[in-house]
Amino acid sequence: MDSIEEVQSALGQQNYICGRALATVVFLSQRLGRPLFLEGEAGTGKTEIAKAIAAALGRRLIRLQCYEGLDASSAVYEWNFAEQMIAIRTAEATGGADRGALKAELFTEDYLIERPLLQAMREQAGGPPVLLIDEMDRTDEPFEAFLLEALSDFQVSIPELGVIKAAEPPIVILTSNRTREVHDALKRRCLYHWVDYPTFEREIEILQARAPEASEALSREVVAFVQRLRTEDLFKAPGVAETIDWAKCLLALDVIALSPEVIADTLGAILKYKDDIQKIEGSAAKRILEEVREGLDG
């Protein structure tokens, strides 16, 4: 992808609709070989862009899903202890190799289970993979510190095998829902972009790309209603992913226009917490729908 416009076009062909600002930072990340750090609310398309980039470039997507307690060994490699034990028992039963030779044999790549970071350092058919480090904010500071070296030098160390360095660095995308602040030292190694909720027109484009069966009238009502919901005092505002899910649910029910009854029946597609659903269902949903229609008519 040799220009910002080409980035937008290539992502659009994967049904990922993005603005020029996001396309620019994606282009610069690729051109400069820098990791891309995407931060924003859940459901705004941060994970999807990594999938779209991998598909557009024809590269393998390797995903490291972060969680509390994730450590370097879980992210890089493990030894296949079950196979090692079988090899030890077999050697004992057959009176095979001596202890030193057996130990050397056990800690080879034949018994190595590669996790996402190590996989990303390996040479791949078709070019360097896209490494998605998803929801960085779920990990802790020790793992962040480990990533500083891995992303700076694009190499990992395995005591029994030595240093494994990527011949060509992977395309790295980190995401965060900002449930906590990620350390500045890690952000400084990346290009940064805040992924916000899209404008009304942009969200219409996204919905038409992801749910083309929806009529223009229904799409406008769905997007306007969801965008109006985001202004309510909710525990978790619906993201773009929920907009798409809701539209697909409505299509499955052969709905051609929103009504208070339809909204009440399908609120679980866009709101994921009981308190939020109770706050919106009933008179609140009817009020919001009336306001939405007045706005669309205006």
Protein backbone atom coordinates (compact mmCIF):
# COMPACT_ATOMS: atom_id res chain seq x y z
CA MET A 1 0.00 0.00 0.00
CA ASP A 2 1.97 2.94 -1.36
CA SER A 3 -0.30 5.87 -0.46
CA ILE A 4 -2.95 6.93 2.04
CA GLU A 5 -5.62 6.65 -0.64
CA GLU A 6 -4.45 3.12 -1.46
CA VAL A 7 -4.69 2.19 2.22
CA GLN A 8 -8.30 3.43 2.36
CA SER A 9 -9.14 1.60 -0.86
CA ALA A 10 -7.49 -1.68 0.23
CA LEU A 11 -9.24 -1.62 3.61
CA GLY A 12 -12.52 -0.69 1.94
CA GLN A 13 -12.24 -3.80 -0.20
CA GLN A 14 -12.18 -5.76 3.08
CA ASN A 15 -15.36 -3.92 4.19
CA TYR A 16 -13.40 -1.82 6.67
CA ILE A 17 -14.39 1.82 6.22
CA CYS A 18 -11.95 4.27 7.79
CA GLY A 19 -11.29 7.99 7.69
CA ARG A 20 -8.18 9.67 6.35
CA ALA A 21 -6.61 10.16 9.81
CA LEU A 22 -6.64 6.43 10.57
CA ALA A 23 -5.53 5.54 7.03
CA THR A 24 -2.63 7.98 7.40
CA VAL A 25 -1.31 6.44 10.60
CA VAL A 26 -1.67 2.93 9.10
CA PHE A 27 0.31 4.05 6.04
CA LEU A 28 3.04 5.64 8.18
CA SER A 29 3.26 2.55 10.40
CA GLN A 30 3.88 0.38 7.35
CA ARG A 31 6.26 2.82 5.67
CA LEU A 32 8.37 3.44 8.81
CA GLY A 33 8.18 -0.09 10.22
CA ARG A 34 6.79 1.18 13.53
CA PRO A 35 4.23 -0.61 15.72
CA LEU A 36 0.77 0.96 15.68
CA PHE A 37 -0.96 1.58 19.02
CA LEU A 38 -4.76 1.92 18.74
CA GLU A 39 -6.70 3.10 21.76
CA GLY A 40 -10.42 3.71 22.13
CA GLU A 41 -13.71 2.44 23.47
CA ALA A 42 -14.60 -1.22 23.02
CA GLY A 43 -16.41 -1.96 19.77
CA THR A 44 -14.93 0.85 17.67
CA GLY A 45 -13.09 -1.45 15.24
CA LYS A 46 -9.56 -1.62 16.65
CA THR A 47 -9.26 -5.40 16.36
CA GLU A 48 -11.01 -5.46 12.99
CA ILE A 49 -8.43 -3.19 11.38
CA ALA A 50 -5.68 -5.74 12.06
CA LYS A 51 -7.79 -8.42 10.37
CA ALA A 52 -8.47 -6.09 7.44
CA ILE A 53 -4.78 -5.21 7.01
CA ALA A 54 -3.76 -8.88 7.06
CA ALA A 55 -6.41 -9.76 4.47
CA ALA A 56 -5.56 -6.77 2.27
CA LEU A 57 -1.85 -7.65 2.25
CA GLY A 58 -2.39 -11.39 2.02
CA ARG A 59 -0.42 -11.92 5.24
CA ARG A 60 -0.94 -14.29 8.13
CA LEU A 61 -2.66 -12.77 11.18
CA ILE A 62 -1.16 -13.83 14.52
CA ARG A 63 -3.20 -12.72 17.54
CA LEU A 64 -1.98 -12.48 21.12
CA GLN A 65 -5.03 -12.00 23.31
CA CYS A 66 -3.91 -10.29 26.51
CA TYR A 67 -5.28 -11.08 29.96
CA GLU A 68 -4.42 -10.46 33.57
CA GLY A 69 -1.41 -12.56 34.56
CA LEU A 70 -0.09 -13.04 31.01
CA ASP A 71 3.68 -13.55 31.18
CA ALA A 72 6.52 -13.81 28.72
CA SER A 73 6.61 -17.62 28.66
CA SER A 74 2.91 -17.85 27.80
CA ALA A 75 3.31 -15.28 25.05
CA VAL A 76 6.57 -16.65 23.56
CA TYR A 77 6.94 -20.41 23.96
CA GLU A 78 6.42 -23.51 26.09
CA TRP A 79 8.15 -26.86 26.18
CA ASN A 80 5.99 -29.85 25.34
CA PHE A 81 6.42 -31.62 28.68
CA ALA A 82 4.14 -34.52 27.76
CA GLU A 83 6.25 -35.40 24.70
CA GLN A 84 9.46 -34.90 26.67
CA MET A 85 8.26 -37.34 29.33
CA ILE A 86 7.39 -39.92 26.67
CA ALA A 87 10.88 -39.54 25.19
CA ILE A 88 12.46 -39.98 28.66
CA ARG A 89 10.38 -43.10 29.43
CA THR A 90 11.18 -44.56 26.00
CA ALA A 91 14.91 -43.94 26.49
CA GLU A 92 14.81 -45.55 29.96
CA ALA A 93 12.91 -48.58 28.68
CA THR A 94 15.22 -49.16 25.73
CA GLY A 95 18.46 -48.27 27.50
CA GLY A 96 19.05 -45.55 24.90
CA ALA A 97 21.07 -42.33 24.97
CA ASP A 98 23.05 -41.24 28.00
CA ARG A 99 21.75 -38.46 30.25
CA GLY A 100 23.70 -35.63 28.59
CA ALA A 101 22.72 -36.62 25.08
CA LEU A 102 19.09 -37.12 26.13
CA LYS A 103 18.97 -33.67 27.74
CA ALA A 104 20.36 -32.06 24.60
CA GLU A 105 17.79 -33.90 22.49
CA LEU A 106 14.86 -32.93 24.70
CA PHE A 107 15.46 -29.19 24.40
CA THR A 108 15.32 -28.86 20.64
CA GLU A 109 12.71 -27.29 18.40
CA ASP A 110 11.05 -30.70 18.02
CA TYR A 111 9.65 -30.24 21.54
CA LEU A 112 9.03 -26.50 21.32
CA ILE A 113 5.47 -25.15 21.34
CA GLU A 114 5.54 -21.74 19.70
CA ARG A 115 3.26 -19.05 21.09
CA PRO A 116 2.24 -15.86 19.19
CA LEU A 117 5.34 -13.71 19.75
CA LEU A 118 7.72 -16.45 18.64
CA GLN A 119 5.51 -17.33 15.68
CA ALA A 120 5.63 -13.69 14.59
CA MET A 121 9.44 -13.78 14.53
CA ARG A 122 9.50 -16.74 12.16
CA GLU A 123 9.71 -16.34 8.41
CA GLN A 124 6.29 -16.70 6.82
CA ALA A 125 5.20 -17.55 3.32
CA GLY A 126 3.90 -14.38 1.69
CA GLY A 127 5.86 -11.99 3.88
CA PRO A 128 6.03 -10.86 7.51
CA PRO A 129 2.81 -11.57 9.44
CA VAL A 130 0.49 -9.08 11.11
CA LEU A 131 0.96 -9.43 14.88
CA LEU A 132 -2.10 -8.25 16.82
CA ILE A 133 -1.47 -7.70 20.54
CA ASP A 134 -5.07 -7.25 21.61
CA GLU A 135 -6.29 -5.43 24.75
CA MET A 136 -2.89 -4.47 26.16
CA ASP A 137 -4.61 -2.75 29.07
CA ARG A 138 -5.55 -6.15 30.51
CA THR A 139 -1.91 -7.06 31.22
CA ASP A 140 0.41 -5.69 33.90
CA GLU A 141 3.62 -3.64 33.93
CA PRO A 142 6.10 -6.57 33.93
CA PHE A 143 4.67 -7.81 30.63
CA GLU A 144 4.82 -4.28 29.20
CA ALA A 145 8.50 -4.14 30.16
CA PHE A 146 9.11 -7.43 28.35
CA LEU A 147 7.41 -6.10 25.22
CA LEU A 148 9.73 -3.09 25.15
CA GLU A 149 12.66 -5.32 24.16
CA ALA A 150 10.63 -7.59 21.93
CA LEU A 151 9.20 -4.66 19.92
CA SER A 152 12.43 -2.67 19.86
CA ASP A 153 14.69 -5.42 18.52
CA PHE A 154 12.07 -7.84 17.20
CA GLN A 155 13.75 -10.73 18.90
CA VAL A 156 13.04 -13.16 21.75
CA SER A 157 15.38 -15.20 23.92
CA ILE A 158 14.99 -18.89 24.72
CA PRO A 159 17.66 -19.98 27.25
CA GLU A 160 18.02 -23.47 25.78
CA LEU A 161 18.16 -22.29 22.15
CA GLY A 162 19.48 -18.73 22.27
CA VAL A 163 18.18 -15.57 20.62
CA ILE A 164 15.67 -15.82 17.78
CA LYS A 165 15.49 -12.63 15.71
CA ALA A 166 13.01 -11.81 12.98
CA ALA A 167 14.67 -11.65 9.58
CA GLU A 168 12.01 -9.10 8.63
CA PRO A 169 9.95 -7.43 11.39
CA PRO A 170 6.24 -8.28 11.59
CA ILE A 171 3.55 -5.63 11.23
CA VAL A 172 2.61 -4.95 14.85
CA ILE A 173 -0.73 -3.56 16.01
CA LEU A 174 -1.48 -3.08 19.71
CA THR A 175 -4.95 -2.23 20.99
CA SER A 176 -6.25 -0.91 24.30
CA ASN A 177 -9.73 -0.21 25.63
CA ARG A 178 -8.10 2.13 28.16
CA THR A 179 -9.34 0.38 31.28
CA ARG A 180 -5.94 1.48 32.60
CA GLU A 181 -3.12 3.65 31.27
CA VAL A 182 -0.41 1.85 29.30
CA HIS A 183 3.10 3.04 30.20
CA ASP A 184 4.56 5.89 28.15
CA ALA A 185 7.74 3.91 27.40
CA LEU A 186 5.73 1.43 25.36
CA LYS A 187 3.65 4.11 23.63
CA ARG A 188 6.80 6.00 22.61
CA ARG A 189 7.89 3.03 20.50
CA CYS A 190 4.63 3.16 18.56
CA LEU A 191 2.62 5.43 16.34
CA TYR A 192 -0.58 6.32 18.20
CA HIS A 193 -4.17 6.81 17.13
CA TRP A 194 -7.36 7.24 19.16
CA VAL A 195 -10.17 5.29 17.46
CA ASP A 196 -13.36 7.20 18.20
CA TYR A 197 -16.97 6.44 17.42
CA PRO A 198 -17.64 7.30 13.77
CA THR A 199 -19.76 10.18 12.54
CA PHE A 200 -23.31 9.47 11.41
CA GLU A 201 -22.33 9.38 7.73
CA ARG A 202 -19.30 7.17 8.39
CA GLU A 203 -21.32 4.71 10.47
CA ILE A 204 -23.91 4.52 7.68
CA GLU A 205 -21.09 3.61 5.28
CA ILE A 206 -19.82 0.94 7.68
CA LEU A 207 -23.28 -0.55 8.14
CA GLN A 208 -23.94 -0.61 4.39
CA ALA A 209 -20.63 -2.43 3.89
CA ARG A 210 -21.27 -4.99 6.64
CA ALA A 211 -25.03 -5.42 6.25
CA PRO A 212 -25.81 -4.45 2.63
CA GLU A 213 -29.23 -6.12 2.79
CA ALA A 214 -30.53 -3.40 5.10
CA SER A 215 -32.54 -0.68 3.39
CA GLU A 216 -31.29 2.89 3.51
CA ALA A 217 -34.25 3.95 5.65
CA LEU A 218 -33.68 1.17 8.22
CA SER A 219 -29.93 1.81 8.24
CA ARG A 220 -30.46 5.49 8.99
CA GLU A 221 -32.89 4.72 11.82
CA VAL A 222 -30.57 2.09 13.34
CA VAL A 223 -27.48 4.30 13.23
CA ALA A 224 -29.34 7.37 14.50
CA PHE A 225 -30.85 5.39 17.39
CA VAL A 226 -27.50 3.88 18.41
CA GLN A 227 -25.74 7.24 18.20
CA ARG A 228 -28.48 8.76 20.34
CA LEU A 229 -28.03 5.91 22.88
CA ARG A 230 -24.35 6.84 23.22
CA THR A 231 -25.39 10.18 24.69
CA GLU A 232 -27.40 8.47 27.45
CA ASP A 233 -25.93 7.76 30.87
CA LEU A 234 -25.14 4.08 30.27
CA PHE A 235 -22.66 1.74 31.92
CA LYS A 236 -21.46 0.61 28.47
CA ALA A 237 -22.37 2.55 25.36
CA PRO A 238 -22.91 0.42 22.23
CA GLY A 239 -20.03 0.30 19.75
CA VAL A 240 -20.03 -0.05 15.99
CA ALA A 241 -19.95 -3.82 16.40
CA GLU A 242 -23.30 -3.63 18.23
CA THR A 243 -24.74 -1.43 15.48
CA ILE A 244 -23.90 -4.11 12.92
CA ASP A 245 -25.18 -6.94 15.14
CA TRP A 246 -28.46 -5.13 15.75
CA ALA A 247 -29.03 -4.46 12.06
CA LYS A 248 -28.45 -8.14 11.28
CA CYS A 249 -30.88 -9.16 14.03
CA LEU A 250 -33.53 -6.82 12.60
CA LEU A 251 -32.98 -8.25 9.12
CA ALA A 252 -33.36 -11.77 10.48
CA LEU A 253 -36.73 -10.70 11.91
CA ASP A 254 -37.77 -9.10 8.58
CA VAL A 255 -38.07 -5.70 10.25
CA ILE A 256 -38.39 -2.79 7.82
CA ALA A 257 -38.68 0.02 10.38
CA LEU A 258 -38.04 0.48 14.09
CA SER A 259 -40.88 0.46 16.61
CA PRO A 260 -40.91 0.54 20.43
CA GLU A 261 -41.95 -3.13 20.42
CA VAL A 262 -39.14 -4.21 18.11
CA ILE A 263 -36.61 -2.21 20.12
CA ALA A 264 -37.77 -3.83 23.37
CA ASP A 265 -37.46 -7.30 21.83
CA THR A 266 -33.93 -6.74 20.49
CA LEU A 267 -32.25 -4.44 23.04
CA GLY A 268 -29.97 -7.32 24.04
CA ALA A 269 -28.20 -6.97 20.69
CA ILE A 270 -26.94 -3.46 21.51
CA LEU A 271 -26.91 -3.23 25.33
CA LYS A 272 -25.06 -5.85 27.36
CA TYR A 273 -25.88 -4.88 30.94
CA LYS A 274 -29.18 -5.43 32.76
CA ASP A 275 -29.25 -1.93 34.28
CA ASP A 276 -28.74 -0.33 30.85
CA ILE A 277 -31.55 -2.38 29.33
CA GLN A 278 -33.92 -1.53 32.17
CA LYS A 279 -33.07 2.15 31.80
CA ILE A 280 -33.85 2.22 28.06
CA GLU A 281 -36.72 -0.23 27.58
CA GLY A 282 -40.26 1.14 27.67
CA SER A 283 -40.90 4.88 27.65
CA ALA A 284 -37.23 5.82 27.21
CA ALA A 285 -36.96 3.79 24.01
CA LYS A 286 -40.16 5.36 22.67
CA ARG A 287 -38.90 8.86 23.51
CA ILE A 288 -35.52 8.28 21.86
CA LEU A 289 -37.16 6.81 18.73
CA GLU A 290 -39.45 9.85 18.42
CA GLU A 291 -36.44 12.19 18.78
CA VAL A 292 -34.50 10.19 16.20
CA ARG A 293 -37.33 10.36 13.66
CA GLU A 294 -37.76 14.08 14.21
CA GLY A 295 -34.04 14.55 13.59
CA LEU A 296 -34.08 12.42 10.45
CA ASP A 297 -37.15 14.17 9.09
CA GLY A 298 -35.55 17.53 9.82
